[in-house]
């Protein structure tokens, strides 16, 4: 199942329970994310792989799952602010954090500018 299928199903459930559906990210918000990601992680960061999510919903919180967006209505879901907080710890600076779920962080590692996907407890 792709992330887009999952988001589609989440949106259906949110409608059923009368929960608001997050809006899409604007073009300027997507450009802000791209510039921030490249500035902090270099040219090889695959920022474009997160764009389909941002074009569908600009962050989402559902049943304990938090996926970050750019300047969302809820600041605790902002990808830039959350990464600044996580990056207060030196070891975390090599990760781009996309969200969190219970005790796991959804992130991508960039050790020596080499990309590796990880889930960190």
Foldseek 3Di string as FASTA:
>chain_A
DDPVVVLVVVVVVCVVVVHDAAAADDPVQLVVQVVVCCVQQNDPPPSVVCRVVRRRHQWDDDPQWTFAGDPGPDPVRHQVVVLVVQVVDVVSSQWRFGTDGDPWTFIWGQVVHDIDGDIDD
